[in-house]
Amino acid sequence: DVDPDDFDFFHEMLVHQEIARLGRPGFIDSLGTGWLISAPAVYNFGSEAMRRDIGPMLLKGDKWSALAISEPFAGSDVAALKCTAQKTPCGQYYIVNGIKKWITEGVYADYFVTAVRTGGA
């Protein structure tokens, strides 16, 4: 049992090593691309509420997360992303406009960490 605030690259390495014991590299690759990239973003950049409410579910495997970066005309070229997010008039939420594609584990994910443009180029 690891406190979410203590989950770091060492713990991530342990997760990778334990999964590697399965002898299924494809599974490791897809899990690493989805969950092991997106879950640390929740802990490092998410709000306190996200870390408290979503983080433990991700660590326990009760919920899945995925990394949504690729777009139809940009692929994984982050500099060419077109997807945007604009704040609502109340300033409390964002409305995301655009298309994400090729999201590993996306069909299973409950939550997505994504890259969008919120301002200029």
C-alpha atoms as a PDB file:
ATOM      1  CA  ASP A   1       0.000   0.000   0.000  1.00  0.00           C
ATOM      2  CA  VAL A   2       1.688   3.200  -1.217  1.00  0.00           C
ATOM      3  CA  ASP A   3       0.463   6.633  -0.215  1.00  0.00           C
ATOM      4  CA  PRO A   4      -0.405   8.464  -3.466  1.00  0.00           C
ATOM      5  CA  ASP A   5       1.947  11.308  -2.558  1.00  0.00           C
ATOM      6  CA  ASP A   6       4.809   8.803  -2.269  1.00  0.00           C
ATOM      7  CA  PHE A   7       4.185   7.084  -5.641  1.00  0.00           C
ATOM      8  CA  ASP A   8       7.239   7.946  -7.713  1.00  0.00           C
ATOM      9  CA  PHE A   9       9.428   6.546 -10.485  1.00  0.00           C
ATOM     10  CA  PHE A  10      10.753   3.848  -8.147  1.00  0.00           C
ATOM     11  CA  HIS A  11       7.239   2.521  -7.609  1.00  0.00           C
ATOM     12  CA  GLU A  12       6.518   2.819 -11.313  1.00  0.00           C
ATOM     13  CA  MET A  13       9.631   0.732 -11.998  1.00  0.00           C
ATOM     14  CA  LEU A  14       8.378  -1.926  -9.580  1.00  0.00           C
ATOM     15  CA  VAL A  15       5.069  -2.043 -11.425  1.00  0.00           C
ATOM     16  CA  HIS A  16       6.904  -2.518 -14.745  1.00  0.00           C
ATOM     17  CA  GLN A  17       9.108  -5.274 -13.330  1.00  0.00           C
ATOM     18  CA  GLU A  18       6.211  -7.189 -11.842  1.00  0.00           C
ATOM     19  CA  ILE A  19       4.226  -6.976 -15.063  1.00  0.00           C
ATOM     20  CA  ALA A  20       7.316  -8.027 -17.054  1.00  0.00           C
ATOM     21  CA  ARG A  21       7.238 -11.303 -15.140  1.00  0.00           C
ATOM     22  CA  LEU A  22       4.082 -12.142 -17.119  1.00  0.00           C
ATOM     23  CA  GLY A  23       6.231 -12.582 -20.225  1.00  0.00           C
ATOM     24  CA  ARG A  24       3.809 -10.566 -22.358  1.00  0.00           C
ATOM     25  CA  PRO A  25       5.685  -7.516 -23.727  1.00  0.00           C
ATOM     26  CA  GLY A  26       2.697  -6.315 -25.765  1.00  0.00           C
ATOM     27  CA  PHE A  27       0.641  -5.989 -22.615  1.00  0.00           C
ATOM     28  CA  ILE A  28       3.442  -4.084 -20.907  1.00  0.00           C
ATOM     29  CA  ASP A  29       3.778  -1.728 -23.872  1.00  0.00           C
ATOM     30  CA  SER A  30       0.077  -0.920 -24.031  1.00  0.00           C
ATOM     31  CA  LEU A  31      -0.261  -0.569 -20.277  1.00  0.00           C
ATOM     32  CA  GLY A  32       2.816   1.642 -20.133  1.00  0.00           C
ATOM     33  CA  THR A  33       1.523   3.813 -22.935  1.00  0.00           C
ATOM     34  CA  GLY A  34      -1.848   4.259 -21.307  1.00  0.00           C
ATOM     35  CA  TRP A  35      -1.943   3.883 -17.567  1.00  0.00           C
ATOM     36  CA  LEU A  36       1.700   4.330 -16.580  1.00  0.00           C
ATOM     37  CA  ILE A  37       1.960   7.605 -18.492  1.00  0.00           C
ATOM     38  CA  SER A  38      -1.421   9.067 -17.611  1.00  0.00           C
ATOM     39  CA  ALA A  39      -1.676   8.091 -13.922  1.00  0.00           C
ATOM     40  CA  PRO A  40       1.478   9.996 -12.856  1.00  0.00           C
ATOM     41  CA  ALA A  41       0.026  13.098 -14.551  1.00  0.00           C
ATOM     42  CA  VAL A  42      -2.946  12.906 -12.190  1.00  0.00           C
ATOM     43  CA  TYR A  43      -0.603  12.903  -9.196  1.00  0.00           C
ATOM     44  CA  ASN A  44       1.869  15.466 -10.510  1.00  0.00           C
ATOM     45  CA  PHE A  45      -0.494  17.965 -12.154  1.00  0.00           C
ATOM     46  CA  GLY A  46      -4.034  17.130 -11.026  1.00  0.00           C
ATOM     47  CA  SER A  47      -5.985  19.016  -8.408  1.00  0.00           C
ATOM     48  CA  GLU A  48      -6.074  17.848  -4.815  1.00  0.00           C
ATOM     49  CA  ALA A  49      -9.559  16.445  -5.474  1.00  0.00           C
ATOM     50  CA  MET A  50      -8.291  14.457  -8.477  1.00  0.00           C
ATOM     51  CA  ARG A  51      -5.393  13.032  -6.489  1.00  0.00           C
ATOM     52  CA  ARG A  52      -7.714  12.137  -3.617  1.00  0.00           C
ATOM     53  CA  ASP A  53     -10.702  10.803  -5.589  1.00  0.00           C
ATOM     54  CA  ILE A  54      -9.303   9.417  -8.854  1.00  0.00           C
ATOM     55  CA  GLY A  55      -5.709   8.529  -7.988  1.00  0.00           C
ATOM     56  CA  PRO A  56      -6.386   5.649  -5.589  1.00  0.00           C
ATOM     57  CA  MET A  57      -8.862   4.083  -8.032  1.00  0.00           C
ATOM     58  CA  LEU A  58      -6.180   4.146 -10.738  1.00  0.00           C
ATOM     59  CA  LEU A  59      -3.553   2.629  -8.455  1.00  0.00           C
ATOM     60  CA  LYS A  60      -5.922  -0.133  -7.347  1.00  0.00           C
ATOM     61  CA  GLY A  61      -7.017  -0.855 -10.918  1.00  0.00           C
ATOM     62  CA  ASP A  62     -10.655  -0.029 -10.166  1.00  0.00           C
ATOM     63  CA  LYS A  63     -10.582   2.605 -12.923  1.00  0.00           C
ATOM     64  CA  TRP A  64      -8.447   2.955 -16.053  1.00  0.00           C
ATOM     65  CA  SER A  65      -6.816   6.011 -17.542  1.00  0.00           C
ATOM     66  CA  ALA A  66      -5.283   6.620 -20.955  1.00  0.00           C
ATOM     67  CA  LEU A  67      -3.080   9.191 -22.636  1.00  0.00           C
ATOM     68  CA  ALA A  68      -4.900  11.012 -25.470  1.00  0.00           C
ATOM     69  CA  ILE A  69      -2.321  12.942 -27.507  1.00  0.00           C
ATOM     70  CA  SER A  70      -2.440  11.748 -31.138  1.00  0.00           C
ATOM     71  CA  GLU A  71      -4.647  13.511 -33.678  1.00  0.00           C
ATOM     72  CA  PRO A  72      -5.639  12.515 -37.236  1.00  0.00           C
ATOM     73  CA  PHE A  73      -3.443  15.069 -39.014  1.00  0.00           C
ATOM     74  CA  ALA A  74      -0.715  15.461 -36.398  1.00  0.00           C
ATOM     75  CA  GLY A  75      -0.100  11.918 -35.192  1.00  0.00           C
ATOM     76  CA  SER A  76       2.103  12.217 -32.132  1.00  0.00           C
ATOM     77  CA  ASP A  77       3.656  15.522 -33.292  1.00  0.00           C
ATOM     78  CA  VAL A  78       2.621  17.557 -30.261  1.00  0.00           C
ATOM     79  CA  ALA A  79       3.651  20.845 -31.909  1.00  0.00           C
ATOM     80  CA  ALA A  80       1.044  20.262 -34.636  1.00  0.00           C
ATOM     81  CA  LEU A  81      -1.922  19.641 -32.322  1.00  0.00           C
ATOM     82  CA  LYS A  82      -5.176  21.339 -33.327  1.00  0.00           C
ATOM     83  CA  CYS A  83      -7.457  20.276 -30.470  1.00  0.00           C
ATOM     84  CA  THR A  84      -8.446  23.267 -28.326  1.00  0.00           C
ATOM     85  CA  ALA A  85      -9.968  23.924 -24.925  1.00  0.00           C
ATOM     86  CA  GLN A  86     -11.808  27.118 -24.028  1.00  0.00           C
ATOM     87  CA  LYS A  87     -12.979  28.169 -20.585  1.00  0.00           C
ATOM     88  CA  THR A  88     -16.689  28.457 -20.052  1.00  0.00           C
ATOM     89  CA  PRO A  89     -18.030  31.938 -19.222  1.00  0.00           C
ATOM     90  CA  CYS A  90     -18.130  31.026 -15.522  1.00  0.00           C
ATOM     91  CA  GLY A  91     -14.413  30.189 -15.706  1.00  0.00           C
ATOM     92  CA  GLN A  92     -14.888  26.909 -13.861  1.00  0.00           C
ATOM     93  CA  TYR A  93     -14.770  24.424 -16.763  1.00  0.00           C
ATOM     94  CA  TYR A  94     -13.179  23.869 -20.155  1.00  0.00           C
ATOM     95  CA  ILE A  95     -14.936  22.856 -23.347  1.00  0.00           C
ATOM     96  CA  VAL A  96     -12.671  20.672 -25.478  1.00  0.00           C
ATOM     97  CA  ASN A  97     -13.040  20.780 -29.274  1.00  0.00           C
ATOM     98  CA  GLY A  98     -11.181  18.471 -31.614  1.00  0.00           C
ATOM     99  CA  ILE A  99     -10.399  14.861 -32.369  1.00  0.00           C
ATOM    100  CA  LYS A 100      -8.030  12.466 -30.630  1.00  0.00           C
ATOM    101  CA  LYS A 101      -7.169   9.170 -32.275  1.00  0.00           C
ATOM    102  CA  TRP A 102      -5.078   6.028 -31.696  1.00  0.00           C
ATOM    103  CA  ILE A 103      -5.519   6.124 -27.923  1.00  0.00           C
ATOM    104  CA  THR A 104      -3.946   3.016 -26.427  1.00  0.00           C
ATOM    105  CA  GLU A 105      -6.349   1.515 -23.873  1.00  0.00           C
ATOM    106  CA  GLY A 106      -8.826   4.248 -24.853  1.00  0.00           C
ATOM    107  CA  VAL A 107     -11.766   1.871 -25.246  1.00  0.00           C
ATOM    108  CA  TYR A 108     -11.329   0.769 -21.631  1.00  0.00           C
ATOM    109  CA  ALA A 109     -10.442   4.107 -20.046  1.00  0.00           C
ATOM    110  CA  ASP A 110     -12.608   5.860 -17.501  1.00  0.00           C
ATOM    111  CA  TYR A 111     -10.367   8.946 -17.544  1.00  0.00           C
ATOM    112  CA  PHE A 112      -8.119  10.566 -20.155  1.00  0.00           C
ATOM    113  CA  VAL A 113      -5.060  12.758 -19.802  1.00  0.00           C
ATOM    114  CA  THR A 114      -4.847  14.822 -22.971  1.00  0.00           C
ATOM    115  CA  ALA A 115      -2.953  17.648 -24.628  1.00  0.00           C
ATOM    116  CA  VAL A 116      -4.941  20.576 -26.011  1.00  0.00           C
ATOM    117  CA  ARG A 117      -4.272  24.172 -26.954  1.00  0.00           C
ATOM    118  CA  THR A 118      -5.652  26.818 -24.611  1.00  0.00           C
ATOM    119  CA  GLY A 119      -4.019  29.852 -26.184  1.00  0.00           C
ATOM    120  CA  GLY A 120      -1.856  30.960 -29.111  1.00  0.00           C
ATOM    121  CA  ALA A 121       0.359  28.800 -31.295  1.00  0.00           C
END
